[in-house]
Amino acid sequence: MAKTTPGEFIRQVRREGAKVTWPTPKEAGITSVMVFIMVVIMAVFFLGVDFMLNAGIQWILGLGE
């Protein structure tokens, strides 16, 4: 494998960076909001699962009296 000079490496990186399709500010904002919404939904889901498992384990162990 041929060695790449630092200058050639920088040129390759710039060429590859030019091929990237960068999101618009609107797309980035919408994506951020959607991620935040999914995080909240998953947090509520796992809170419910944790509550149910905790209640079940306490009932099984007889500590929920």
PDB file of N, CA and C in Angstrom:
ATOM      1  N   MET A   1       0.852  -1.177   0.000  1.00  0.00           N
ATOM      2  CA  MET A   1       0.000   0.000   0.000  1.00  0.00           C
ATOM      3  C   MET A   1       0.894   1.237   0.000  1.00  0.00           C
ATOM      4  N   ALA A   2       0.598   2.149  -0.907  1.00  0.00           N
ATOM      5  CA  ALA A   2       1.418   3.348  -1.043  1.00  0.00           C
ATOM      6  C   ALA A   2       1.156   4.309   0.107  1.00  0.00           C
ATOM      7  N   LYS A   3       2.216   4.984   0.522  1.00  0.00           N
ATOM      8  CA  LYS A   3       2.096   5.983   1.591  1.00  0.00           C
ATOM      9  C   LYS A   3       1.446   7.244   1.023  1.00  0.00           C
ATOM     10  N   THR A   4       0.582   7.869   1.827  1.00  0.00           N
ATOM     11  CA  THR A   4      -0.077   9.116   1.433  1.00  0.00           C
ATOM     12  C   THR A   4       0.594  10.259   2.173  1.00  0.00           C
ATOM     13  N   THR A   5       0.948  11.290   1.436  1.00  0.00           N
ATOM     14  CA  THR A   5       1.568  12.449   2.075  1.00  0.00           C
ATOM     15  C   THR A   5       0.505  13.231   2.842  1.00  0.00           C
ATOM     16  N   PRO A   6       0.924  14.012   3.837  1.00  0.00           N
ATOM     17  CA  PRO A   6      -0.064  14.799   4.584  1.00  0.00           C
ATOM     18  C   PRO A   6      -0.871  15.745   3.688  1.00  0.00           C
ATOM     19  N   GLY A   7      -0.234  16.346   2.704  1.00  0.00           N
ATOM     20  CA  GLY A   7      -0.944  17.246   1.786  1.00  0.00           C
ATOM     21  C   GLY A   7      -2.013  16.512   0.986  1.00  0.00           C
ATOM     22  N   GLU A   8      -1.669  15.334   0.482  1.00  0.00           N
ATOM     23  CA  GLU A   8      -2.634  14.528  -0.281  1.00  0.00           C
ATOM     24  C   GLU A   8      -3.785  14.086   0.616  1.00  0.00           C
ATOM     25  N   PHE A   9      -3.466  13.729   1.852  1.00  0.00           N
ATOM     26  CA  PHE A   9      -4.504  13.332   2.802  1.00  0.00           C
ATOM     27  C   PHE A   9      -5.506  14.469   3.012  1.00  0.00           C
ATOM     28  N   ILE A  10      -5.006  15.689   3.203  1.00  0.00           N
ATOM     29  CA  ILE A  10      -5.887  16.855   3.396  1.00  0.00           C
ATOM     30  C   ILE A  10      -6.759  17.067   2.159  1.00  0.00           C
ATOM     31  N   ARG A  11      -6.185  16.936   0.976  1.00  0.00           N
ATOM     32  CA  ARG A  11      -6.974  17.099  -0.255  1.00  0.00           C
ATOM     33  C   ARG A  11      -8.071  16.034  -0.346  1.00  0.00           C
ATOM     34  N   GLN A  12      -7.751  14.795   0.037  1.00  0.00           N
ATOM     35  CA  GLN A  12      -8.752  13.728   0.018  1.00  0.00           C
ATOM     36  C   GLN A  12      -9.875  14.001   1.011  1.00  0.00           C
ATOM     37  N   VAL A  13      -9.509  14.488   2.182  1.00  0.00           N
ATOM     38  CA  VAL A  13     -10.522  14.801   3.191  1.00  0.00           C
ATOM     39  C   VAL A  13     -11.437  15.902   2.689  1.00  0.00           C
ATOM     40  N   ARG A  14     -10.877  16.932   2.076  1.00  0.00           N
ATOM     41  CA  ARG A  14     -11.711  18.029   1.547  1.00  0.00           C
ATOM     42  C   ARG A  14     -12.639  17.543   0.430  1.00  0.00           C
ATOM     43  N   ARG A  15     -12.114  16.655  -0.430  1.00  0.00           N
ATOM     44  CA  ARG A  15     -12.958  16.111  -1.503  1.00  0.00           C
ATOM     45  C   ARG A  15     -14.124  15.310  -0.933  1.00  0.00           C
ATOM     46  N   GLU A  16     -13.844  14.479   0.066  1.00  0.00           N
ATOM     47  CA  GLU A  16     -14.906  13.682   0.683  1.00  0.00           C
ATOM     48  C   GLU A  16     -15.897  14.582   1.428  1.00  0.00           C
ATOM     49  N   GLY A  17     -15.390  15.614   2.092  1.00  0.00           N
ATOM     50  CA  GLY A  17     -16.269  16.546   2.804  1.00  0.00           C
ATOM     51  C   GLY A  17     -17.202  17.282   1.868  1.00  0.00           C
ATOM     52  N   ALA A  18     -16.748  17.546   0.648  1.00  0.00           N
ATOM     53  CA  ALA A  18     -17.593  18.223  -0.334  1.00  0.00           C
ATOM     54  C   ALA A  18     -18.729  17.329  -0.804  1.00  0.00           C
ATOM     55  N   LYS A  19     -18.588  16.012  -0.676  1.00  0.00           N
ATOM     56  CA  LYS A  19     -19.631  15.077  -1.109  1.00  0.00           C
ATOM     57  C   LYS A  19     -20.748  14.935  -0.081  1.00  0.00           C
ATOM     58  N   VAL A  20     -20.503  15.391   1.131  1.00  0.00           N
ATOM     59  CA  VAL A  20     -21.481  15.232   2.205  1.00  0.00           C
ATOM     60  C   VAL A  20     -22.667  16.150   1.964  1.00  0.00           C
ATOM     61  N   THR A  21     -23.875  15.624   2.157  1.00  0.00           N
ATOM     62  CA  THR A  21     -25.081  16.442   2.076  1.00  0.00           C
ATOM     63  C   THR A  21     -25.405  16.921   3.486  1.00  0.00           C
ATOM     64  N   TRP A  22     -25.130  18.189   3.755  1.00  0.00           N
ATOM     65  CA  TRP A  22     -25.331  18.740   5.087  1.00  0.00           C
ATOM     66  C   TRP A  22     -26.789  19.136   5.264  1.00  0.00           C
ATOM     67  N   PRO A  23     -27.370  18.919   6.450  1.00  0.00           N
ATOM     68  CA  PRO A  23     -28.771  19.297   6.664  1.00  0.00           C
ATOM     69  C   PRO A  23     -28.924  20.813   6.753  1.00  0.00           C
ATOM     70  N   THR A  24     -30.091  21.277   6.343  1.00  0.00           N
ATOM     71  CA  THR A  24     -30.394  22.697   6.499  1.00  0.00           C
ATOM     72  C   THR A  24     -30.693  22.957   7.976  1.00  0.00           C
ATOM     73  N   PRO A  25     -30.641  24.222   8.398  1.00  0.00           N
ATOM     74  CA  PRO A  25     -30.989  24.513   9.796  1.00  0.00           C
ATOM     75  C   PRO A  25     -32.399  24.038  10.161  1.00  0.00           C
ATOM     76  N   LYS A  26     -33.343  24.123   9.215  1.00  0.00           N
ATOM     77  CA  LYS A  26     -34.705  23.667   9.479  1.00  0.00           C
ATOM     78  C   LYS A  26     -34.725  22.154   9.703  1.00  0.00           C
ATOM     79  N   GLU A  27     -34.026  21.404   8.844  1.00  0.00           N
ATOM     80  CA  GLU A  27     -33.970  19.949   8.999  1.00  0.00           C
ATOM     81  C   GLU A  27     -33.305  19.559  10.313  1.00  0.00           C
ATOM     82  N   ALA A  28     -32.244  20.247  10.677  1.00  0.00           N
ATOM     83  CA  ALA A  28     -31.553  19.949  11.930  1.00  0.00           C
ATOM     84  C   ALA A  28     -32.463  20.233  13.124  1.00  0.00           C
ATOM     85  N   GLY A  29     -33.232  21.321  13.051  1.00  0.00           N
ATOM     86  CA  GLY A  29     -34.159  21.664  14.138  1.00  0.00           C
ATOM     87  C   GLY A  29     -35.267  20.635  14.281  1.00  0.00           C
ATOM     88  N   ILE A  30     -35.855  20.234  13.149  1.00  0.00           N
ATOM     89  CA  ILE A  30     -36.931  19.235  13.181  1.00  0.00           C
ATOM     90  C   ILE A  30     -36.409  17.910  13.733  1.00  0.00           C
ATOM     91  N   THR A  31     -35.224  17.512  13.289  1.00  0.00           N
ATOM     92  CA  THR A  31     -34.639  16.262  13.765  1.00  0.00           C
ATOM     93  C   THR A  31     -34.374  16.331  15.270  1.00  0.00           C
ATOM     94  N   SER A  32     -33.884  17.460  15.739  1.00  0.00           N
ATOM     95  CA  SER A  32     -33.620  17.624  17.177  1.00  0.00           C
ATOM     96  C   SER A  32     -34.905  17.520  17.990  1.00  0.00           C
ATOM     97  N   VAL A  33     -35.970  18.134  17.507  1.00  0.00           N
ATOM     98  CA  VAL A  33     -37.252  18.068  18.210  1.00  0.00           C
ATOM     99  C   VAL A  33     -37.773  16.635  18.225  1.00  0.00           C
ATOM    100  N   MET A  34     -37.657  15.926  17.112  1.00  0.00           N
ATOM    101  CA  MET A  34     -38.124  14.550  17.053  1.00  0.00           C
ATOM    102  C   MET A  34     -37.330  13.658  18.019  1.00  0.00           C
ATOM    103  N   VAL A  35     -36.033  13.870  18.107  1.00  0.00           N
ATOM    104  CA  VAL A  35     -35.215  13.098  19.052  1.00  0.00           C
ATOM    105  C   VAL A  35     -35.660  13.388  20.479  1.00  0.00           C
ATOM    106  N   PHE A  36     -35.898  14.655  20.795  1.00  0.00           N
ATOM    107  CA  PHE A  36     -36.339  15.027  22.139  1.00  0.00           C
ATOM    108  C   PHE A  36     -37.673  14.360  22.471  1.00  0.00           C
ATOM    109  N   ILE A  37     -38.611  14.364  21.525  1.00  0.00           N
ATOM    110  CA  ILE A  37     -39.918  13.738  21.740  1.00  0.00           C
ATOM    111  C   ILE A  37     -39.760  12.239  21.983  1.00  0.00           C
ATOM    112  N   MET A  38     -38.922  11.583  21.193  1.00  0.00           N
ATOM    113  CA  MET A  38     -38.716  10.141  21.376  1.00  0.00           C
ATOM    114  C   MET A  38     -38.074   9.842  22.726  1.00  0.00           C
ATOM    115  N   VAL A  39     -37.150  10.690  23.165  1.00  0.00           N
ATOM    116  CA  VAL A  39     -36.522  10.497  24.473  1.00  0.00           C
ATOM    117  C   VAL A  39     -37.565  10.595  25.578  1.00  0.00           C
ATOM    118  N   VAL A  40     -38.468  11.576  25.485  1.00  0.00           N
ATOM    119  CA  VAL A  40     -39.512  11.730  26.497  1.00  0.00           C
ATOM    120  C   VAL A  40     -40.441  10.518  26.488  1.00  0.00           C
ATOM    121  N   ILE A  41     -40.846  10.068  25.300  1.00  0.00           N
ATOM    122  CA  ILE A  41     -41.736   8.907  25.207  1.00  0.00           C
ATOM    123  C   ILE A  41     -41.073   7.672  25.817  1.00  0.00           C
ATOM    124  N   MET A  42     -39.802   7.436  25.497  1.00  0.00           N
ATOM    125  CA  MET A  42     -39.108   6.264  26.031  1.00  0.00           C
ATOM    126  C   MET A  42     -38.902   6.389  27.540  1.00  0.00           C
ATOM    127  N   ALA A  43     -38.653   7.596  28.030  1.00  0.00           N
ATOM    128  CA  ALA A  43     -38.490   7.784  29.473  1.00  0.00           C
ATOM    129  C   ALA A  43     -39.781   7.447  30.203  1.00  0.00           C
ATOM    130  N   VAL A  44     -40.920   7.889  29.671  1.00  0.00           N
ATOM    131  CA  VAL A  44     -42.211   7.586  30.292  1.00  0.00           C
ATOM    132  C   VAL A  44     -42.484   6.076  30.228  1.00  0.00           C
ATOM    133  N   PHE A  45     -42.162   5.461  29.099  1.00  0.00           N
ATOM    134  CA  PHE A  45     -42.360   4.020  28.952  1.00  0.00           C
ATOM    135  C   PHE A  45     -41.554   3.252  30.003  1.00  0.00           C
ATOM    136  N   PHE A  46     -40.261   3.556  30.103  1.00  0.00           N
ATOM    137  CA  PHE A  46     -39.425   2.828  31.054  1.00  0.00           C
ATOM    138  C   PHE A  46     -39.776   3.168  32.496  1.00  0.00           C
ATOM    139  N   LEU A  47     -40.293   4.351  32.758  1.00  0.00           N
ATOM    140  CA  LEU A  47     -40.784   4.673  34.094  1.00  0.00           C
ATOM    141  C   LEU A  47     -41.954   3.752  34.443  1.00  0.00           C
ATOM    142  N   GLY A  48     -42.866   3.557  33.495  1.00  0.00           N
ATOM    143  CA  GLY A  48     -44.000   2.663  33.714  1.00  0.00           C
ATOM    144  C   GLY A  48     -43.561   1.217  33.907  1.00  0.00           C
ATOM    145  N   VAL A  49     -42.624   0.756  33.078  1.00  0.00           N
ATOM    146  CA  VAL A  49     -42.122  -0.611  33.211  1.00  0.00           C
ATOM    147  C   VAL A  49     -41.454  -0.791  34.571  1.00  0.00           C
ATOM    148  N   ASP A  50     -40.654   0.179  34.978  1.00  0.00           N
ATOM    149  CA  ASP A  50     -39.971   0.101  36.265  1.00  0.00           C
ATOM    150  C   ASP A  50     -40.978   0.065  37.412  1.00  0.00           C
ATOM    151  N   PHE A  51     -42.022   0.890  37.305  1.00  0.00           N
ATOM    152  CA  PHE A  51     -43.053   0.916  38.349  1.00  0.00           C
ATOM    153  C   PHE A  51     -43.743  -0.438  38.455  1.00  0.00           C
ATOM    154  N   MET A  52     -44.098  -1.017  37.302  1.00  0.00           N
ATOM    155  CA  MET A  52     -44.778  -2.315  37.297  1.00  0.00           C
ATOM    156  C   MET A  52     -43.877  -3.423  37.851  1.00  0.00           C
ATOM    157  N   LEU A  53     -42.623  -3.458  37.433  1.00  0.00           N
ATOM    158  CA  LEU A  53     -41.706  -4.476  37.938  1.00  0.00           C
ATOM    159  C   LEU A  53     -41.492  -4.316  39.439  1.00  0.00           C
ATOM    160  N   ASN A  54     -41.363  -3.087  39.893  1.00  0.00           N
ATOM    161  CA  ASN A  54     -41.182  -2.832  41.314  1.00  0.00           C
ATOM    162  C   ASN A  54     -42.399  -3.307  42.106  1.00  0.00           C
ATOM    163  N   ALA A  55     -43.601  -2.993  41.617  1.00  0.00           N
ATOM    164  CA  ALA A  55     -44.822  -3.417  42.300  1.00  0.00           C
ATOM    165  C   ALA A  55     -44.927  -4.939  42.298  1.00  0.00           C
ATOM    166  N   GLY A  56     -44.601  -5.578  41.196  1.00  0.00           N
ATOM    167  CA  GLY A  56     -44.663  -7.036  41.113  1.00  0.00           C
ATOM    168  C   GLY A  56     -43.682  -7.711  42.046  1.00  0.00           C
ATOM    169  N   ILE A  57     -42.475  -7.210  42.099  1.00  0.00           N
ATOM    170  CA  ILE A  57     -41.469  -7.808  42.975  1.00  0.00           C
ATOM    171  C   ILE A  57     -41.852  -7.608  44.437  1.00  0.00           C
ATOM    172  N   GLN A  58     -42.355  -6.425  44.784  1.00  0.00           N
ATOM    173  CA  GLN A  58     -42.786  -6.194  46.167  1.00  0.00           C
ATOM    174  C   GLN A  58     -43.950  -7.116  46.533  1.00  0.00           C
ATOM    175  N   TRP A  59     -44.868  -7.343  45.605  1.00  0.00           N
ATOM    176  CA  TRP A  59     -45.996  -8.246  45.872  1.00  0.00           C
ATOM    177  C   TRP A  59     -45.502  -9.668  46.060  1.00  0.00           C
ATOM    178  N   ILE A  60     -44.580 -10.115  45.200  1.00  0.00           N
ATOM    179  CA  ILE A  60     -44.034 -11.471  45.301  1.00  0.00           C
ATOM    180  C   ILE A  60     -43.297 -11.663  46.631  1.00  0.00           C
ATOM    181  N   LEU A  61     -42.552 -10.699  47.061  1.00  0.00           N
ATOM    182  CA  LEU A  61     -41.770 -10.818  48.290  1.00  0.00           C
ATOM    183  C   LEU A  61     -42.598 -10.515  49.530  1.00  0.00           C
ATOM    184  N   GLY A  62     -43.831 -10.069  49.357  1.00  0.00           N
ATOM    185  CA  GLY A  62     -44.685  -9.783  50.493  1.00  0.00           C
ATOM    186  C   GLY A  62     -44.342  -8.489  51.212  1.00  0.00           C
ATOM    187  N   LEU A  63     -43.634  -7.603  50.534  1.00  0.00           N
ATOM    188  CA  LEU A  63     -43.256  -6.337  51.150  1.00  0.00           C
ATOM    189  C   LEU A  63     -44.285  -5.241  50.876  1.00  0.00           C
ATOM    190  N   GLY A  64     -45.257  -5.493  50.028  1.00  0.00           N
ATOM    191  CA  GLY A  64     -46.214  -4.470  49.642  1.00  0.00           C
ATOM    192  C   GLY A  64     -47.422  -4.393  50.551  1.00  0.00           C
ATOM    193  N   GLU A  65     -47.362  -4.933  51.722  1.00  0.00           N
ATOM    194  CA  GLU A  65     -48.510  -4.960  52.617  1.00  0.00           C
ATOM    195  C   GLU A  65     -48.750  -3.648  53.287  1.00  0.00           C
TER     196      GLU A  65
END
